[in-house]
C-alpha atoms as a PDB file:
ATOM      1  CA  UNK A   1      12.439   0.200  10.586  1.00  0.00           C
ATOM      2  CA  UNK A   2       8.858  -0.596  10.241  1.00  0.00           C
ATOM      3  CA  UNK A   3       7.676  -2.603   6.991  1.00  0.00           C
ATOM      4  CA  UNK A   4       5.041   0.018   6.311  1.00  0.00           C
ATOM      5  CA  UNK A   5       7.879   2.220   6.240  1.00  0.00           C
ATOM      6  CA  UNK A   6      10.125   0.319   4.151  1.00  0.00           C
ATOM      7  CA  UNK A   7       6.680  -0.520   1.650  1.00  0.00           C
ATOM      8  CA  UNK A   8       7.041   3.238   1.587  1.00  0.00           C
ATOM      9  CA  UNK A   9      10.172   4.090   0.537  1.00  0.00           C
ATOM     10  CA  UNK A  10      10.031   1.141  -2.379  1.00  0.00           C
ATOM     11  CA  UNK A  11       7.010   2.585  -3.233  1.00  0.00           C
ATOM     12  CA  UNK A  12       8.996   6.305  -3.682  1.00  0.00           C
ATOM     13  CA  UNK A  13      11.795   4.575  -5.406  1.00  0.00           C
ATOM     14  CA  UNK A  14       9.452   2.714  -7.839  1.00  0.00           C
ATOM     15  CA  UNK A  15       9.965   3.947 -11.084  1.00  0.00           C
ATOM     16  CA  UNK A  16       6.924   2.213 -12.454  1.00  0.00           C
ATOM     17  CA  UNK A  17       4.336  -1.078 -11.995  1.00  0.00           C
ATOM     18  CA  UNK A  18       6.298  -3.695 -10.300  1.00  0.00           C
ATOM     19  CA  UNK A  19       4.730  -6.803  -9.001  1.00  0.00           C
ATOM     20  CA  UNK A  20       7.248  -7.767  -6.984  1.00  0.00           C
ATOM     21  CA  UNK A  21       5.875  -4.810  -4.960  1.00  0.00           C
ATOM     22  CA  UNK A  22       2.633  -5.402  -5.439  1.00  0.00           C
ATOM     23  CA  UNK A  23       3.060  -8.686  -3.805  1.00  0.00           C
ATOM     24  CA  UNK A  24       5.003  -7.565  -0.571  1.00  0.00           C
ATOM     25  CA  UNK A  25       2.401  -4.434  -0.482  1.00  0.00           C
ATOM     26  CA  UNK A  26      -0.442  -7.442  -0.057  1.00  0.00           C
ATOM     27  CA  UNK A  27       1.281  -9.853   2.348  1.00  0.00           C
ATOM     28  CA  UNK A  28       1.932  -6.518   4.599  1.00  0.00           C
ATOM     29  CA  UNK A  29      -1.242  -5.408   5.016  1.00  0.00           C
ATOM     30  CA  UNK A  30      -2.662  -8.740   5.177  1.00  0.00           C
ATOM     31  CA  UNK A  31      -0.465  -9.807   8.299  1.00  0.00           C
ATOM     32  CA  UNK A  32       1.135 -12.746   5.797  1.00  0.00           C
ATOM     33  CA  UNK A  33       4.615 -13.385   4.737  1.00  0.00           C
ATOM     34  CA  UNK A  34       5.555 -14.985   1.286  1.00  0.00           C
ATOM     35  CA  UNK A  35       7.001 -18.162   0.870  1.00  0.00           C
ATOM     36  CA  UNK A  36       8.595 -18.967  -2.149  1.00  0.00           C
ATOM     37  CA  UNK A  37       8.878 -22.663  -3.373  1.00  0.00           C
ATOM     38  CA  UNK A  38      10.818 -22.781  -7.066  1.00  0.00           C
ATOM     39  CA  UNK A  39       9.387 -19.720  -9.131  1.00  0.00           C
ATOM     40  CA  UNK A  40       6.014 -20.077  -7.100  1.00  0.00           C
ATOM     41  CA  UNK A  41       5.256 -17.806  -4.460  1.00  0.00           C
ATOM     42  CA  UNK A  42       2.751 -18.387  -1.872  1.00  0.00           C
ATOM     43  CA  UNK A  43       1.014 -16.989   1.045  1.00  0.00           C
ATOM     44  CA  UNK A  44       2.152 -17.694   4.535  1.00  0.00           C
ATOM     45  CA  UNK A  45      -0.760 -16.773   7.277  1.00  0.00           C
ATOM     46  CA  UNK A  46       0.356 -16.540  10.754  1.00  0.00           C
ATOM     47  CA  UNK A  47      -2.166 -18.689  12.402  1.00  0.00           C
ATOM     48  CA  UNK A  48      -1.314 -21.472  11.085  1.00  0.00           C
ATOM     49  CA  UNK A  49       2.150 -21.717  10.461  1.00  0.00           C
ATOM     50  CA  UNK A  50       1.700 -24.320   7.414  1.00  0.00           C
ATOM     51  CA  UNK A  51      -0.833 -22.928   6.055  1.00  0.00           C
ATOM     52  CA  UNK A  52      -0.205 -21.638   2.576  1.00  0.00           C
ATOM     53  CA  UNK A  53      -2.476 -19.908  -0.435  1.00  0.00           C
ATOM     54  CA  UNK A  54      -1.476 -19.785  -4.052  1.00  0.00           C
ATOM     55  CA  UNK A  55      -0.486 -16.001  -4.404  1.00  0.00           C
ATOM     56  CA  UNK A  56      -2.819 -13.516  -6.172  1.00  0.00           C
ATOM     57  CA  UNK A  57      -1.862 -10.135  -5.824  1.00  0.00           C
ATOM     58  CA  UNK A  58      -3.617  -7.429  -7.047  1.00  0.00           C
ATOM     59  CA  UNK A  59      -1.438  -4.845  -9.850  1.00  0.00           C
ATOM     60  CA  UNK A  60      -1.932  -2.528  -6.874  1.00  0.00           C
ATOM     61  CA  UNK A  61       0.829  -0.604  -8.439  1.00  0.00           C
ATOM     62  CA  UNK A  62       0.000  -0.357 -11.910  1.00  0.00           C
ATOM     63  CA  UNK A  63      -3.964  -0.689 -11.961  1.00  0.00           C
ATOM     64  CA  UNK A  64      -6.221   2.390 -10.514  1.00  0.00           C
ATOM     65  CA  UNK A  65      -8.664   0.414  -9.842  1.00  0.00           C
ATOM     66  CA  UNK A  66      -6.997  -2.357  -7.873  1.00  0.00           C
ATOM     67  CA  UNK A  67      -5.498   0.604  -5.758  1.00  0.00           C
ATOM     68  CA  UNK A  68      -8.935   2.538  -5.046  1.00  0.00           C
ATOM     69  CA  UNK A  69     -10.285  -1.065  -4.130  1.00  0.00           C
ATOM     70  CA  UNK A  70      -7.466  -1.890  -0.914  1.00  0.00           C
ATOM     71  CA  UNK A  71      -7.353   1.984   0.005  1.00  0.00           C
ATOM     72  CA  UNK A  72     -11.487   1.638   0.239  1.00  0.00           C
ATOM     73  CA  UNK A  73     -11.006  -1.208   2.099  1.00  0.00           C
ATOM     74  CA  UNK A  74      -7.826  -0.554   4.276  1.00  0.00           C
ATOM     75  CA  UNK A  75      -9.518   3.301   5.379  1.00  0.00           C
ATOM     76  CA  UNK A  76     -13.271   2.811   4.933  1.00  0.00           C
ATOM     77  CA  UNK A  77     -15.335   6.189   4.540  1.00  0.00           C
ATOM     78  CA  UNK A  78     -12.044   8.219   3.518  1.00  0.00           C
ATOM     79  CA  UNK A  79     -11.660  10.733   0.911  1.00  0.00           C
ATOM     80  CA  UNK A  80      -9.455   9.805  -1.914  1.00  0.00           C
ATOM     81  CA  UNK A  81      -7.647  13.223  -3.333  1.00  0.00           C
ATOM     82  CA  UNK A  82      -5.866  12.239  -6.418  1.00  0.00           C
ATOM     83  CA  UNK A  83      -4.153  14.992  -8.848  1.00  0.00           C
ATOM     84  CA  UNK A  84      -2.369  14.416 -12.137  1.00  0.00           C
ATOM     85  CA  UNK A  85      -0.334  17.875 -13.138  1.00  0.00           C
ATOM     86  CA  UNK A  86       1.966  18.189 -15.855  1.00  0.00           C
ATOM     87  CA  UNK A  87       4.704  16.627 -13.636  1.00  0.00           C
ATOM     88  CA  UNK A  88       3.279  13.692 -12.471  1.00  0.00           C
ATOM     89  CA  UNK A  89       0.131  12.190  -9.830  1.00  0.00           C
ATOM     90  CA  UNK A  90      -0.114  13.612  -6.829  1.00  0.00           C
ATOM     91  CA  UNK A  91      -2.662  11.796  -3.778  1.00  0.00           C
ATOM     92  CA  UNK A  92      -3.810  12.201  -0.327  1.00  0.00           C
ATOM     93  CA  UNK A  93      -6.542  10.558   2.186  1.00  0.00           C
ATOM     94  CA  UNK A  94      -8.422  12.356   4.575  1.00  0.00           C
ATOM     95  CA  UNK A  95     -10.776  11.165   7.485  1.00  0.00           C
ATOM     96  CA  UNK A  96     -14.963  12.079   6.215  1.00  0.00           C
ATOM     97  CA  UNK A  97     -14.570  14.398   9.113  1.00  0.00           C
ATOM     98  CA  UNK A  98     -11.268  16.257   8.095  1.00  0.00           C
ATOM     99  CA  UNK A  99      -9.707  15.867  11.682  1.00  0.00           C
ATOM    100  CA  UNK A 100      -7.380  13.713   9.917  1.00  0.00           C
ATOM    101  CA  UNK A 101      -5.434  14.330   6.811  1.00  0.00           C
ATOM    102  CA  UNK A 102      -1.877  13.614   5.691  1.00  0.00           C
ATOM    103  CA  UNK A 103       0.453  15.214   3.442  1.00  0.00           C
ATOM    104  CA  UNK A 104       0.334  15.627  -0.081  1.00  0.00           C
ATOM    105  CA  UNK A 105       2.303  12.418  -1.731  1.00  0.00           C
ATOM    106  CA  UNK A 106       5.523  12.849  -3.707  1.00  0.00           C
ATOM    107  CA  UNK A 107       5.615  13.228  -7.278  1.00  0.00           C
ATOM    108  CA  UNK A 108       5.116   9.764  -9.164  1.00  0.00           C
ATOM    109  CA  UNK A 109       4.832   8.200 -12.731  1.00  0.00           C
ATOM    110  CA  UNK A 110       1.407   6.825 -12.293  1.00  0.00           C
ATOM    111  CA  UNK A 111      -2.067   6.788 -10.116  1.00  0.00           C
ATOM    112  CA  UNK A 112      -1.975   3.743  -8.767  1.00  0.00           C
ATOM    113  CA  UNK A 113       1.948   4.357  -7.018  1.00  0.00           C
ATOM    114  CA  UNK A 114       0.416   7.743  -5.762  1.00  0.00           C
ATOM    115  CA  UNK A 115      -2.520   6.193  -4.408  1.00  0.00           C
ATOM    116  CA  UNK A 116      -0.141   3.306  -2.588  1.00  0.00           C
ATOM    117  CA  UNK A 117       2.481   6.094  -0.983  1.00  0.00           C
ATOM    118  CA  UNK A 118      -0.875   8.013   0.563  1.00  0.00           C
ATOM    119  CA  UNK A 119      -2.153   4.552   1.949  1.00  0.00           C
ATOM    120  CA  UNK A 120       0.977   3.478   3.264  1.00  0.00           C
ATOM    121  CA  UNK A 121       1.753   7.127   4.602  1.00  0.00           C
ATOM    122  CA  UNK A 122      -1.599   6.955   6.540  1.00  0.00           C
ATOM    123  CA  UNK A 123      -1.620   3.540   7.755  1.00  0.00           C
ATOM    124  CA  UNK A 124       1.973   4.303   8.941  1.00  0.00           C
ATOM    125  CA  UNK A 125       0.708   7.474  10.536  1.00  0.00           C
ATOM    126  CA  UNK A 126      -2.387   5.811  12.212  1.00  0.00           C
ATOM    127  CA  UNK A 127       0.346   2.901  13.836  1.00  0.00           C
ATOM    128  CA  UNK A 128       2.386   5.684  15.472  1.00  0.00           C
ATOM    129  CA  UNK A 129      -0.803   7.558  16.627  1.00  0.00           C
ATOM    130  CA  UNK A 130      -1.924   4.649  17.997  1.00  0.00           C
ATOM    131  CA  UNK A 131       1.064   3.934  20.073  1.00  0.00           C
ATOM    132  CA  UNK A 132       2.441   0.869  18.214  1.00  0.00           C
ATOM    133  CA  UNK A 133       5.761   2.156  16.908  1.00  0.00           C
ATOM    134  CA  UNK A 134       8.138   2.106  14.384  1.00  0.00           C
END
């Protein structure tokens, strides 16, 4: 199972904001690993195995601003469709040309989770379309 699929499934089952999930999404989308020393987390970069950075991940599953900023960085120029209905938040992302659209995300309790799901769905589909496989 790919890391994107695993993270997408974790977002789907999240009951609310989850800092551990924030760290894992941030690390995966940057190609980093998380290393722990006691209660402290560090990012480990792939270009230098011994290089670590103190872990500072945005609140991707609770902050709408952080979720939008990441989505805009990962999918520049894409449209974001975010809607709130009586049963929860739904999100979809699509290329500006509308040539590629991804399905609307499932129901989520907050907007940030809905956007993270939409982002991971688009990135996973893009990876598959480019032949990078699961």
